[in-house]
């Protein structure tokens, strides 16, 4: 699911609007991705966790981001870009890879 919105329209959206729109396009409930972002980073675009190993709004680790970007044929995505993190995470969650957000996934009842 490469993003269907034109680039200009995506740039005009704030991060929260983008998260809601992207979640819907992936067939997810918007509150799922919004709650995950809140849990992972409190919407801080430059958040760092796991002693600096996890980065950004969805706390991706660089190897995970690179692996799944390649898997989805989206190798031009940048880990520092919160819009790219949301886009990739939405695809991953849609396809059952919520385990990559194990702690927050458990807190939010997304992982048993």
PDB file of N, CA and C in Angstrom:
ATOM      1  N   UNK A   1       0.826  -1.175   0.000  1.00  0.00           N
ATOM      2  CA  UNK A   1       0.000   0.000   0.000  1.00  0.00           C
ATOM      3  C   UNK A   1       0.871   1.240   0.000  1.00  0.00           C
ATOM      4  N   UNK A   2       1.597   1.506  -1.054  1.00  0.00           N
ATOM      5  CA  UNK A   2       2.240   2.816  -1.084  1.00  0.00           C
ATOM      6  C   UNK A   2       1.144   3.863  -0.983  1.00  0.00           C
ATOM      7  N   UNK A   3       1.471   4.970  -0.360  1.00  0.00           N
ATOM      8  CA  UNK A   3       0.466   5.970  -0.034  1.00  0.00           C
ATOM      9  C   UNK A   3      -0.240   6.483  -1.275  1.00  0.00           C
ATOM     10  N   UNK A   4      -1.557   6.626  -1.176  1.00  0.00           N
ATOM     11  CA  UNK A   4      -2.359   7.032  -2.316  1.00  0.00           C
ATOM     12  C   UNK A   4      -2.573   8.533  -2.393  1.00  0.00           C
ATOM     13  N   UNK A   5      -2.259   9.266  -1.340  1.00  0.00           N
ATOM     14  CA  UNK A   5      -2.436  10.714  -1.370  1.00  0.00           C
ATOM     15  C   UNK A   5      -1.311  11.366  -2.161  1.00  0.00           C
ATOM     16  N   UNK A   6      -1.624  12.397  -2.926  1.00  0.00           N
ATOM     17  CA  UNK A   6      -0.553  13.131  -3.606  1.00  0.00           C
ATOM     18  C   UNK A   6       0.394  13.749  -2.584  1.00  0.00           C
ATOM     19  N   UNK A   7       1.656  13.873  -2.954  1.00  0.00           N
ATOM     20  CA  UNK A   7       2.684  14.387  -2.055  1.00  0.00           C
ATOM     21  C   UNK A   7       2.303  15.748  -1.475  1.00  0.00           C
ATOM     22  N   UNK A   8       1.753  16.637  -2.287  1.00  0.00           N
ATOM     23  CA  UNK A   8       1.397  17.970  -1.809  1.00  0.00           C
ATOM     24  C   UNK A   8       0.343  17.896  -0.699  1.00  0.00           C
ATOM     25  N   UNK A   9      -0.618  16.990  -0.863  1.00  0.00           N
ATOM     26  CA  UNK A   9      -1.676  16.857   0.141  1.00  0.00           C
ATOM     27  C   UNK A   9      -1.110  16.269   1.434  1.00  0.00           C
ATOM     28  N   UNK A  10      -0.190  15.304   1.321  1.00  0.00           N
ATOM     29  CA  UNK A  10       0.420  14.728   2.512  1.00  0.00           C
ATOM     30  C   UNK A  10       1.203  15.782   3.279  1.00  0.00           C
ATOM     31  N   UNK A  11       1.941  16.626   2.566  1.00  0.00           N
ATOM     32  CA  UNK A  11       2.747  17.654   3.225  1.00  0.00           C
ATOM     33  C   UNK A  11       1.877  18.661   3.961  1.00  0.00           C
ATOM     34  N   UNK A  12       0.656  18.875   3.498  1.00  0.00           N
ATOM     35  CA  UNK A  12      -0.235  19.842   4.112  1.00  0.00           C
ATOM     36  C   UNK A  12      -0.884  19.308   5.389  1.00  0.00           C
ATOM     37  N   UNK A  13      -0.867  18.004   5.601  1.00  0.00           N
ATOM     38  CA  UNK A  13      -1.490  17.403   6.779  1.00  0.00           C
ATOM     39  C   UNK A  13      -0.546  17.427   7.963  1.00  0.00           C
ATOM     40  N   UNK A  14      -1.114  17.658   9.141  1.00  0.00           N
ATOM     41  CA  UNK A  14      -0.267  17.510  10.310  1.00  0.00           C
ATOM     42  C   UNK A  14      -0.126  16.015  10.621  1.00  0.00           C
ATOM     43  N   UNK A  15       0.763  15.699  11.510  1.00  0.00           N
ATOM     44  CA  UNK A  15       1.102  14.306  11.795  1.00  0.00           C
ATOM     45  C   UNK A  15      -0.107  13.524  12.299  1.00  0.00           C
ATOM     46  N   UNK A  16      -0.912  14.128  13.146  1.00  0.00           N
ATOM     47  CA  UNK A  16      -2.073  13.414  13.701  1.00  0.00           C
ATOM     48  C   UNK A  16      -3.107  13.124  12.616  1.00  0.00           C
ATOM     49  N   UNK A  17      -3.344  14.086  11.742  1.00  0.00           N
ATOM     50  CA  UNK A  17      -4.262  13.850  10.617  1.00  0.00           C
ATOM     51  C   UNK A  17      -3.724  12.751   9.708  1.00  0.00           C
ATOM     52  N   UNK A  18      -2.426  12.803   9.457  1.00  0.00           N
ATOM     53  CA  UNK A  18      -1.801  11.809   8.598  1.00  0.00           C
ATOM     54  C   UNK A  18      -1.928  10.415   9.201  1.00  0.00           C
ATOM     55  N   UNK A  19      -1.716  10.307  10.511  1.00  0.00           N
ATOM     56  CA  UNK A  19      -1.829   9.004  11.190  1.00  0.00           C
ATOM     57  C   UNK A  19      -3.238   8.452  11.038  1.00  0.00           C
ATOM     58  N   UNK A  20      -4.239   9.302  11.226  1.00  0.00           N
ATOM     59  CA  UNK A  20      -5.626   8.857  11.093  1.00  0.00           C
ATOM     60  C   UNK A  20      -5.921   8.406   9.663  1.00  0.00           C
ATOM     61  N   UNK A  21      -5.526   9.190   8.701  1.00  0.00           N
ATOM     62  CA  UNK A  21      -5.795   8.875   7.292  1.00  0.00           C
ATOM     63  C   UNK A  21      -5.073   7.597   6.864  1.00  0.00           C
ATOM     64  N   UNK A  22      -3.818   7.472   7.257  1.00  0.00           N
ATOM     65  CA  UNK A  22      -3.016   6.308   6.872  1.00  0.00           C
ATOM     66  C   UNK A  22      -3.558   5.037   7.510  1.00  0.00           C
ATOM     67  N   UNK A  23      -3.962   5.127   8.769  1.00  0.00           N
ATOM     68  CA  UNK A  23      -4.545   3.960   9.442  1.00  0.00           C
ATOM     69  C   UNK A  23      -5.791   3.499   8.695  1.00  0.00           C
ATOM     70  N   UNK A  24      -6.662   4.426   8.350  1.00  0.00           N
ATOM     71  CA  UNK A  24      -7.882   4.065   7.619  1.00  0.00           C
ATOM     72  C   UNK A  24      -7.553   3.411   6.277  1.00  0.00           C
ATOM     73  N   UNK A  25      -6.583   3.969   5.564  1.00  0.00           N
ATOM     74  CA  UNK A  25      -6.198   3.411   4.264  1.00  0.00           C
ATOM     75  C   UNK A  25      -5.652   1.987   4.402  1.00  0.00           C
ATOM     76  N   UNK A  26      -5.031   1.698   5.548  1.00  0.00           N
ATOM     77  CA  UNK A  26      -4.492   0.355   5.783  1.00  0.00           C
ATOM     78  C   UNK A  26      -5.545  -0.586   6.351  1.00  0.00           C
ATOM     79  N   UNK A  27      -6.749  -0.078   6.580  1.00  0.00           N
ATOM     80  CA  UNK A  27      -7.814  -0.914   7.135  1.00  0.00           C
ATOM     81  C   UNK A  27      -7.748  -1.046   8.643  1.00  0.00           C
ATOM     82  N   UNK A  28      -7.068  -0.103   9.295  1.00  0.00           N
ATOM     83  CA  UNK A  28      -6.928  -0.121  10.752  1.00  0.00           C
ATOM     84  C   UNK A  28      -7.830   0.943  11.370  1.00  0.00           C
ATOM     85  N   UNK A  29      -8.175   0.741  12.618  1.00  0.00           N
ATOM     86  CA  UNK A  29      -8.878   1.780  13.364  1.00  0.00           C
ATOM     87  C   UNK A  29      -7.889   2.917  13.649  1.00  0.00           C
ATOM     88  N   UNK A  30      -8.242   4.143  13.378  1.00  0.00           N
ATOM     89  CA  UNK A  30      -7.324   5.252  13.634  1.00  0.00           C
ATOM     90  C   UNK A  30      -6.845   5.324  15.085  1.00  0.00           C
ATOM     91  N   UNK A  31      -7.717   4.988  16.050  1.00  0.00           N
ATOM     92  CA  UNK A  31      -7.303   5.063  17.448  1.00  0.00           C
ATOM     93  C   UNK A  31      -6.194   4.064  17.767  1.00  0.00           C
ATOM     94  N   UNK A  32      -6.104   2.979  17.024  1.00  0.00           N
ATOM     95  CA  UNK A  32      -5.052   1.986  17.263  1.00  0.00           C
ATOM     96  C   UNK A  32      -3.682   2.624  17.054  1.00  0.00           C
ATOM     97  N   UNK A  33      -3.467   3.243  15.911  1.00  0.00           N
ATOM     98  CA  UNK A  33      -2.165   3.847  15.621  1.00  0.00           C
ATOM     99  C   UNK A  33      -1.937   5.074  16.496  1.00  0.00           C
ATOM    100  N   UNK A  34      -2.996   5.847  16.771  1.00  0.00           N
ATOM    101  CA  UNK A  34      -2.850   7.030  17.613  1.00  0.00           C
ATOM    102  C   UNK A  34      -2.465   6.645  19.036  1.00  0.00           C
ATOM    103  N   UNK A  35      -3.093   5.618  19.580  1.00  0.00           N
ATOM    104  CA  UNK A  35      -2.754   5.161  20.927  1.00  0.00           C
ATOM    105  C   UNK A  35      -1.353   4.568  20.982  1.00  0.00           C
ATOM    106  N   UNK A  36      -0.953   3.881  19.925  1.00  0.00           N
ATOM    107  CA  UNK A  36       0.393   3.317  19.872  1.00  0.00           C
ATOM    108  C   UNK A  36       1.431   4.437  19.855  1.00  0.00           C
ATOM    109  N   UNK A  37       1.192   5.465  19.063  1.00  0.00           N
ATOM    110  CA  UNK A  37       2.114   6.606  19.019  1.00  0.00           C
ATOM    111  C   UNK A  37       2.173   7.286  20.381  1.00  0.00           C
ATOM    112  N   UNK A  38       1.033   7.484  20.996  1.00  0.00           N
ATOM    113  CA  UNK A  38       0.993   8.116  22.317  1.00  0.00           C
ATOM    114  C   UNK A  38       1.816   7.303  23.313  1.00  0.00           C
ATOM    115  N   UNK A  39       1.653   5.994  23.288  1.00  0.00           N
ATOM    116  CA  UNK A  39       2.382   5.119  24.203  1.00  0.00           C
ATOM    117  C   UNK A  39       3.884   5.125  23.912  1.00  0.00           C
ATOM    118  N   UNK A  40       4.241   5.062  22.650  1.00  0.00           N
ATOM    119  CA  UNK A  40       5.659   4.957  22.277  1.00  0.00           C
ATOM    120  C   UNK A  40       6.430   6.261  22.470  1.00  0.00           C
ATOM    121  N   UNK A  41       5.807   7.402  22.146  1.00  0.00           N
ATOM    122  CA  UNK A  41       6.589   8.643  22.117  1.00  0.00           C
ATOM    123  C   UNK A  41       5.868   9.880  22.630  1.00  0.00           C
ATOM    124  N   UNK A  42       4.592   9.747  23.015  1.00  0.00           N
ATOM    125  CA  UNK A  42       3.797  10.921  23.386  1.00  0.00           C
ATOM    126  C   UNK A  42       3.790  11.956  22.254  1.00  0.00           C
ATOM    127  N   UNK A  43       3.858  11.471  21.011  1.00  0.00           N
ATOM    128  CA  UNK A  43       3.825  12.302  19.803  1.00  0.00           C
ATOM    129  C   UNK A  43       5.070  13.175  19.667  1.00  0.00           C
ATOM    130  N   UNK A  44       6.164  12.830  20.363  1.00  0.00           N
ATOM    131  CA  UNK A  44       7.424  13.570  20.232  1.00  0.00           C
ATOM    132  C   UNK A  44       8.141  13.044  18.987  1.00  0.00           C
ATOM    133  N   UNK A  45       8.286  13.908  18.002  1.00  0.00           N
ATOM    134  CA  UNK A  45       8.847  13.495  16.717  1.00  0.00           C
ATOM    135  C   UNK A  45      10.299  13.061  16.819  1.00  0.00           C
ATOM    136  N   UNK A  46      11.020  13.592  17.792  1.00  0.00           N
ATOM    137  CA  UNK A  46      12.439  13.267  17.921  1.00  0.00           C
ATOM    138  C   UNK A  46      12.725  12.361  19.125  1.00  0.00           C
ATOM    139  N   UNK A  47      11.721  11.622  19.585  1.00  0.00           N
ATOM    140  CA  UNK A  47      11.888  10.751  20.756  1.00  0.00           C
ATOM    141  C   UNK A  47      12.978   9.705  20.506  1.00  0.00           C
ATOM    142  N   UNK A  48      13.715   9.413  21.563  1.00  0.00           N
ATOM    143  CA  UNK A  48      14.721   8.348  21.513  1.00  0.00           C
ATOM    144  C   UNK A  48      14.510   7.470  22.727  1.00  0.00           C
ATOM    145  N   UNK A  49      14.561   6.163  22.503  1.00  0.00           N
ATOM    146  CA  UNK A  49      14.373   5.216  23.590  1.00  0.00           C
ATOM    147  C   UNK A  49      15.358   4.076  23.494  1.00  0.00           C
ATOM    148  N   UNK A  50      15.250   3.147  24.404  1.00  0.00           N
ATOM    149  CA  UNK A  50      16.133   1.971  24.423  1.00  0.00           C
ATOM    150  C   UNK A  50      17.608   2.382  24.332  1.00  0.00           C
ATOM    151  N   UNK A  51      17.986   3.352  25.174  1.00  0.00           N
ATOM    152  CA  UNK A  51      19.366   3.864  25.185  1.00  0.00           C
ATOM    153  C   UNK A  51      19.812   4.355  23.811  1.00  0.00           C
ATOM    154  N   UNK A  52      18.907   5.015  23.106  1.00  0.00           N
ATOM    155  CA  UNK A  52      19.226   5.584  21.789  1.00  0.00           C
ATOM    156  C   UNK A  52      19.064   4.639  20.620  1.00  0.00           C
ATOM    157  N   UNK A  53      18.652   3.396  20.882  1.00  0.00           N
ATOM    158  CA  UNK A  53      18.514   2.410  19.804  1.00  0.00           C
ATOM    159  C   UNK A  53      17.186   2.539  19.055  1.00  0.00           C
ATOM    160  N   UNK A  54      16.183   3.147  19.683  1.00  0.00           N
ATOM    161  CA  UNK A  54      14.875   3.323  19.059  1.00  0.00           C
ATOM    162  C   UNK A  54      14.665   4.803  18.810  1.00  0.00           C
ATOM    163  N   UNK A  55      14.062   5.106  17.658  1.00  0.00           N
ATOM    164  CA  UNK A  55      14.000   6.491  17.244  1.00  0.00           C
ATOM    165  C   UNK A  55      12.620   6.883  16.732  1.00  0.00           C
ATOM    166  N   UNK A  56      12.233   8.091  17.060  1.00  0.00           N
ATOM    167  CA  UNK A  56      11.086   8.720  16.432  1.00  0.00           C
ATOM    168  C   UNK A  56       9.745   8.426  17.058  1.00  0.00           C
ATOM    169  N   UNK A  57       8.730   8.871  16.351  1.00  0.00           N
ATOM    170  CA  UNK A  57       7.352   8.851  16.818  1.00  0.00           C
ATOM    171  C   UNK A  57       6.858   7.436  17.137  1.00  0.00           C
ATOM    172  N   UNK A  58       7.366   6.439  16.399  1.00  0.00           N
ATOM    173  CA  UNK A  58       6.963   5.050  16.640  1.00  0.00           C
ATOM    174  C   UNK A  58       8.115   4.180  17.131  1.00  0.00           C
ATOM    175  N   UNK A  59       9.198   4.825  17.561  1.00  0.00           N
ATOM    176  CA  UNK A  59      10.312   4.139  18.204  1.00  0.00           C
ATOM    177  C   UNK A  59      10.842   2.948  17.399  1.00  0.00           C
ATOM    178  N   UNK A  60      11.090   3.183  16.135  1.00  0.00           N
ATOM    179  CA  UNK A  60      11.682   2.149  15.285  1.00  0.00           C
ATOM    180  C   UNK A  60      13.158   1.985  15.599  1.00  0.00           C
ATOM    181  N   UNK A  61      13.626   0.763  15.537  1.00  0.00           N
ATOM    182  CA  UNK A  61      15.058   0.479  15.519  1.00  0.00           C
ATOM    183  C   UNK A  61      15.470   0.474  14.042  1.00  0.00           C
ATOM    184  N   UNK A  62      16.657   0.974  13.756  1.00  0.00           N
ATOM    185  CA  UNK A  62      17.110   1.115  12.366  1.00  0.00           C
ATOM    186  C   UNK A  62      17.049  -0.201  11.584  1.00  0.00           C
ATOM    187  N   UNK A  63      17.505  -1.336  12.142  1.00  0.00           N
ATOM    188  CA  UNK A  63      17.438  -2.578  11.359  1.00  0.00           C
ATOM    189  C   UNK A  63      16.001  -2.998  11.016  1.00  0.00           C
ATOM    190  N   UNK A  64      15.078  -2.794  11.943  1.00  0.00           N
ATOM    191  CA  UNK A  64      13.673  -3.140  11.690  1.00  0.00           C
ATOM    192  C   UNK A  64      13.104  -2.243  10.604  1.00  0.00           C
ATOM    193  N   UNK A  65      13.377  -0.955  10.700  1.00  0.00           N
ATOM    194  CA  UNK A  65      12.880  -0.010   9.704  1.00  0.00           C
ATOM    195  C   UNK A  65      13.416  -0.370   8.313  1.00  0.00           C
ATOM    196  N   UNK A  66      14.699  -0.663   8.235  1.00  0.00           N
ATOM    197  CA  UNK A  66      15.313  -1.012   6.943  1.00  0.00           C
ATOM    198  C   UNK A  66      14.743  -2.317   6.392  1.00  0.00           C
ATOM    199  N   UNK A  67      14.589  -3.310   7.234  1.00  0.00           N
ATOM    200  CA  UNK A  67      14.071  -4.615   6.810  1.00  0.00           C
ATOM    201  C   UNK A  67      12.665  -4.495   6.233  1.00  0.00           C
ATOM    202  N   UNK A  68      11.782  -3.802   6.955  1.00  0.00           N
ATOM    203  CA  UNK A  68      10.396  -3.723   6.501  1.00  0.00           C
ATOM    204  C   UNK A  68      10.220  -2.724   5.356  1.00  0.00           C
ATOM    205  N   UNK A  69      11.034  -1.699   5.313  1.00  0.00           N
ATOM    206  CA  UNK A  69      11.000  -0.806   4.149  1.00  0.00           C
ATOM    207  C   UNK A  69      11.319  -1.599   2.893  1.00  0.00           C
ATOM    208  N   UNK A  70      12.320  -2.445   2.991  1.00  0.00           N
ATOM    209  CA  UNK A  70      12.702  -3.281   1.846  1.00  0.00           C
ATOM    210  C   UNK A  70      11.601  -4.290   1.534  1.00  0.00           C
ATOM    211  N   UNK A  71      11.054  -4.925   2.564  1.00  0.00           N
ATOM    212  CA  UNK A  71      10.000  -5.928   2.375  1.00  0.00           C
ATOM    213  C   UNK A  71       8.820  -5.348   1.598  1.00  0.00           C
ATOM    214  N   UNK A  72       8.458  -4.094   1.894  1.00  0.00           N
ATOM    215  CA  UNK A  72       7.315  -3.465   1.238  1.00  0.00           C
ATOM    216  C   UNK A  72       7.700  -2.674  -0.014  1.00  0.00           C
ATOM    217  N   UNK A  73       8.961  -2.751  -0.410  1.00  0.00           N
ATOM    218  CA  UNK A  73       9.399  -2.040  -1.605  1.00  0.00           C
ATOM    219  C   UNK A  73       9.380  -0.534  -1.437  1.00  0.00           C
ATOM    220  N   UNK A  74       9.594  -0.076  -0.224  1.00  0.00           N
ATOM    221  CA  UNK A  74       9.563   1.348   0.093  1.00  0.00           C
ATOM    222  C   UNK A  74      10.927   1.806   0.608  1.00  0.00           C
ATOM    223  N   UNK A  75      11.950   1.449  -0.113  1.00  0.00           N
ATOM    224  CA  UNK A  75      13.312   1.689   0.365  1.00  0.00           C
ATOM    225  C   UNK A  75      13.719   3.158   0.391  1.00  0.00           C
ATOM    226  N   UNK A  76      12.885   4.036  -0.149  1.00  0.00           N
ATOM    227  CA  UNK A  76      13.196   5.463  -0.094  1.00  0.00           C
ATOM    228  C   UNK A  76      12.672   6.122   1.188  1.00  0.00           C
ATOM    229  N   UNK A  77      12.035   5.348   2.074  1.00  0.00           N
ATOM    230  CA  UNK A  77      11.556   5.892   3.348  1.00  0.00           C
ATOM    231  C   UNK A  77      12.744   6.222   4.250  1.00  0.00           C
ATOM    232  N   UNK A  78      12.578   7.251   5.055  1.00  0.00           N
ATOM    233  CA  UNK A  78      13.629   7.680   5.983  1.00  0.00           C
ATOM    234  C   UNK A  78      13.138   7.542   7.416  1.00  0.00           C
ATOM    235  N   UNK A  79      13.930   6.911   8.247  1.00  0.00           N
ATOM    236  CA  UNK A  79      13.543   6.646   9.635  1.00  0.00           C
ATOM    237  C   UNK A  79      13.293   7.931  10.414  1.00  0.00           C
ATOM    238  N   UNK A  80      13.954   9.017  10.058  1.00  0.00           N
ATOM    239  CA  UNK A  80      13.782  10.278  10.768  1.00  0.00           C
ATOM    240  C   UNK A  80      12.458  10.967  10.445  1.00  0.00           C
ATOM    241  N   UNK A  81      11.777  10.519   9.411  1.00  0.00           N
ATOM    242  CA  UNK A  81      10.549  11.163   8.954  1.00  0.00           C
ATOM    243  C   UNK A  81       9.342  10.519   9.649  1.00  0.00           C
ATOM    244  N   UNK A  82       8.608  11.284  10.474  1.00  0.00           N
ATOM    245  CA  UNK A  82       7.474  10.688  11.197  1.00  0.00           C
ATOM    246  C   UNK A  82       6.375  10.181  10.259  1.00  0.00           C
ATOM    247  N   UNK A  83       6.197  10.828   9.120  1.00  0.00           N
ATOM    248  CA  UNK A  83       5.194  10.384   8.156  1.00  0.00           C
ATOM    249  C   UNK A  83       5.580   9.013   7.589  1.00  0.00           C
ATOM    250  N   UNK A  84       6.863   8.824   7.343  1.00  0.00           N
ATOM    251  CA  UNK A  84       7.346   7.539   6.843  1.00  0.00           C
ATOM    252  C   UNK A  84       7.191   6.462   7.913  1.00  0.00           C
ATOM    253  N   UNK A  85       7.464   6.809   9.170  1.00  0.00           N
ATOM    254  CA  UNK A  85       7.286   5.841  10.247  1.00  0.00           C
ATOM    255  C   UNK A  85       5.823   5.404  10.348  1.00  0.00           C
ATOM    256  N   UNK A  86       4.920   6.351  10.253  1.00  0.00           N
ATOM    257  CA  UNK A  86       3.484   6.032  10.331  1.00  0.00           C
ATOM    258  C   UNK A  86       3.074   5.152   9.164  1.00  0.00           C
ATOM    259  N   UNK A  87       3.541   5.490   7.986  1.00  0.00           N
ATOM    260  CA  UNK A  87       3.186   4.714   6.797  1.00  0.00           C
ATOM    261  C   UNK A  87       3.678   3.267   6.926  1.00  0.00           C
ATOM    262  N   UNK A  88       4.927   3.095   7.321  1.00  0.00           N
ATOM    263  CA  UNK A  88       5.482   1.748   7.450  1.00  0.00           C
ATOM    264  C   UNK A  88       4.824   0.980   8.594  1.00  0.00           C
ATOM    265  N   UNK A  89       4.628   1.622   9.726  1.00  0.00           N
ATOM    266  CA  UNK A  89       4.001   0.950  10.867  1.00  0.00           C
ATOM    267  C   UNK A  89       2.584   0.502  10.531  1.00  0.00           C
ATOM    268  N   UNK A  90       1.847   1.305   9.809  1.00  0.00           N
ATOM    269  CA  UNK A  90       0.476   0.935   9.434  1.00  0.00           C
ATOM    270  C   UNK A  90       0.464  -0.337   8.594  1.00  0.00           C
ATOM    271  N   UNK A  91       1.391  -0.433   7.671  1.00  0.00           N
ATOM    272  CA  UNK A  91       1.487  -1.653   6.856  1.00  0.00           C
ATOM    273  C   UNK A  91       1.864  -2.845   7.718  1.00  0.00           C
ATOM    274  N   UNK A  92       2.846  -2.649   8.582  1.00  0.00           N
ATOM    275  CA  UNK A  92       3.301  -3.740   9.436  1.00  0.00           C
ATOM    276  C   UNK A  92       2.187  -4.236  10.351  1.00  0.00           C
ATOM    277  N   UNK A  93       1.478  -3.312  10.982  1.00  0.00           N
ATOM    278  CA  UNK A  93       0.402  -3.693  11.899  1.00  0.00           C
ATOM    279  C   UNK A  93      -0.712  -4.387  11.137  1.00  0.00           C
ATOM    280  N   UNK A  94      -1.060  -3.849   9.978  1.00  0.00           N
ATOM    281  CA  UNK A  94      -2.098  -4.468   9.133  1.00  0.00           C
ATOM    282  C   UNK A  94      -1.747  -5.928   8.834  1.00  0.00           C
ATOM    283  N   UNK A  95      -0.446  -6.179   8.628  1.00  0.00           N
ATOM    284  CA  UNK A  95       0.001  -7.513   8.252  1.00  0.00           C
ATOM    285  C   UNK A  95       0.418  -8.382   9.434  1.00  0.00           C
ATOM    286  N   UNK A  96       0.110  -7.939  10.659  1.00  0.00           N
ATOM    287  CA  UNK A  96       0.317  -8.786  11.832  1.00  0.00           C
ATOM    288  C   UNK A  96       1.650  -8.650  12.534  1.00  0.00           C
ATOM    289  N   UNK A  97       2.396  -7.596  12.262  1.00  0.00           N
ATOM    290  CA  UNK A  97       3.714  -7.425  12.880  1.00  0.00           C
ATOM    291  C   UNK A  97       3.677  -6.497  14.094  1.00  0.00           C
ATOM    292  N   UNK A  98       2.576  -6.465  14.820  1.00  0.00           N
ATOM    293  CA  UNK A  98       2.441  -5.627  16.006  1.00  0.00           C
ATOM    294  C   UNK A  98       3.477  -5.993  17.072  1.00  0.00           C
ATOM    295  N   UNK A  99       4.008  -7.190  17.022  1.00  0.00           N
ATOM    296  CA  UNK A  99       4.993  -7.652  18.005  1.00  0.00           C
ATOM    297  C   UNK A  99       6.224  -6.743  18.069  1.00  0.00           C
ATOM    298  N   UNK A 100       6.459  -5.972  17.014  1.00  0.00           N
ATOM    299  CA  UNK A 100       7.599  -5.055  17.028  1.00  0.00           C
ATOM    300  C   UNK A 100       7.379  -3.882  17.977  1.00  0.00           C
ATOM    301  N   UNK A 101       6.184  -3.761  18.508  1.00  0.00           N
ATOM    302  CA  UNK A 101       5.857  -2.771  19.531  1.00  0.00           C
ATOM    303  C   UNK A 101       5.345  -3.521  20.763  1.00  0.00           C
ATOM    304  N   UNK A 102       6.141  -4.482  21.204  1.00  0.00           N
ATOM    305  CA  UNK A 102       5.721  -5.441  22.225  1.00  0.00           C
ATOM    306  C   UNK A 102       5.215  -4.788  23.511  1.00  0.00           C
ATOM    307  N   UNK A 103       5.981  -3.887  24.099  1.00  0.00           N
ATOM    308  CA  UNK A 103       5.579  -3.314  25.388  1.00  0.00           C
ATOM    309  C   UNK A 103       4.289  -2.514  25.282  1.00  0.00           C
ATOM    310  N   UNK A 104       4.248  -1.599  24.335  1.00  0.00           N
ATOM    311  CA  UNK A 104       3.018  -0.799  24.189  1.00  0.00           C
ATOM    312  C   UNK A 104       1.881  -1.655  23.641  1.00  0.00           C
ATOM    313  N   UNK A 105       2.200  -2.599  22.794  1.00  0.00           N
ATOM    314  CA  UNK A 105       1.180  -3.501  22.288  1.00  0.00           C
ATOM    315  C   UNK A 105       0.484  -4.257  23.410  1.00  0.00           C
ATOM    316  N   UNK A 106       1.262  -4.691  24.384  1.00  0.00           N
ATOM    317  CA  UNK A 106       0.688  -5.379  25.555  1.00  0.00           C
ATOM    318  C   UNK A 106      -0.112  -4.411  26.421  1.00  0.00           C
ATOM    319  N   UNK A 107       0.444  -3.229  26.661  1.00  0.00           N
ATOM    320  CA  UNK A 107      -0.246  -2.215  27.478  1.00  0.00           C
ATOM    321  C   UNK A 107      -1.601  -1.861  26.884  1.00  0.00           C
ATOM    322  N   UNK A 108      -1.659  -1.788  25.569  1.00  0.00           N
ATOM    323  CA  UNK A 108      -2.880  -1.377  24.884  1.00  0.00           C
ATOM    324  C   UNK A 108      -3.818  -2.547  24.580  1.00  0.00           C
ATOM    325  N   UNK A 109      -3.422  -3.751  24.973  1.00  0.00           N
ATOM    326  CA  UNK A 109      -4.259  -4.921  24.739  1.00  0.00           C
ATOM    327  C   UNK A 109      -4.237  -5.410  23.301  1.00  0.00           C
ATOM    328  N   UNK A 110      -3.218  -5.021  22.535  1.00  0.00           N
ATOM    329  CA  UNK A 110      -3.094  -5.443  21.138  1.00  0.00           C
ATOM    330  C   UNK A 110      -2.334  -6.753  21.018  1.00  0.00           C
ATOM    331  N   UNK A 111      -1.590  -7.088  22.068  1.00  0.00           N
ATOM    332  CA  UNK A 111      -0.832  -8.330  22.130  1.00  0.00           C
ATOM    333  C   UNK A 111      -1.207  -9.007  23.433  1.00  0.00           C
ATOM    334  N   UNK A 112      -1.468 -10.279  23.351  1.00  0.00           N
ATOM    335  CA  UNK A 112      -1.847 -11.027  24.561  1.00  0.00           C
ATOM    336  C   UNK A 112      -0.619 -11.565  25.246  1.00  0.00           C
TER     337      UNK A 112
END
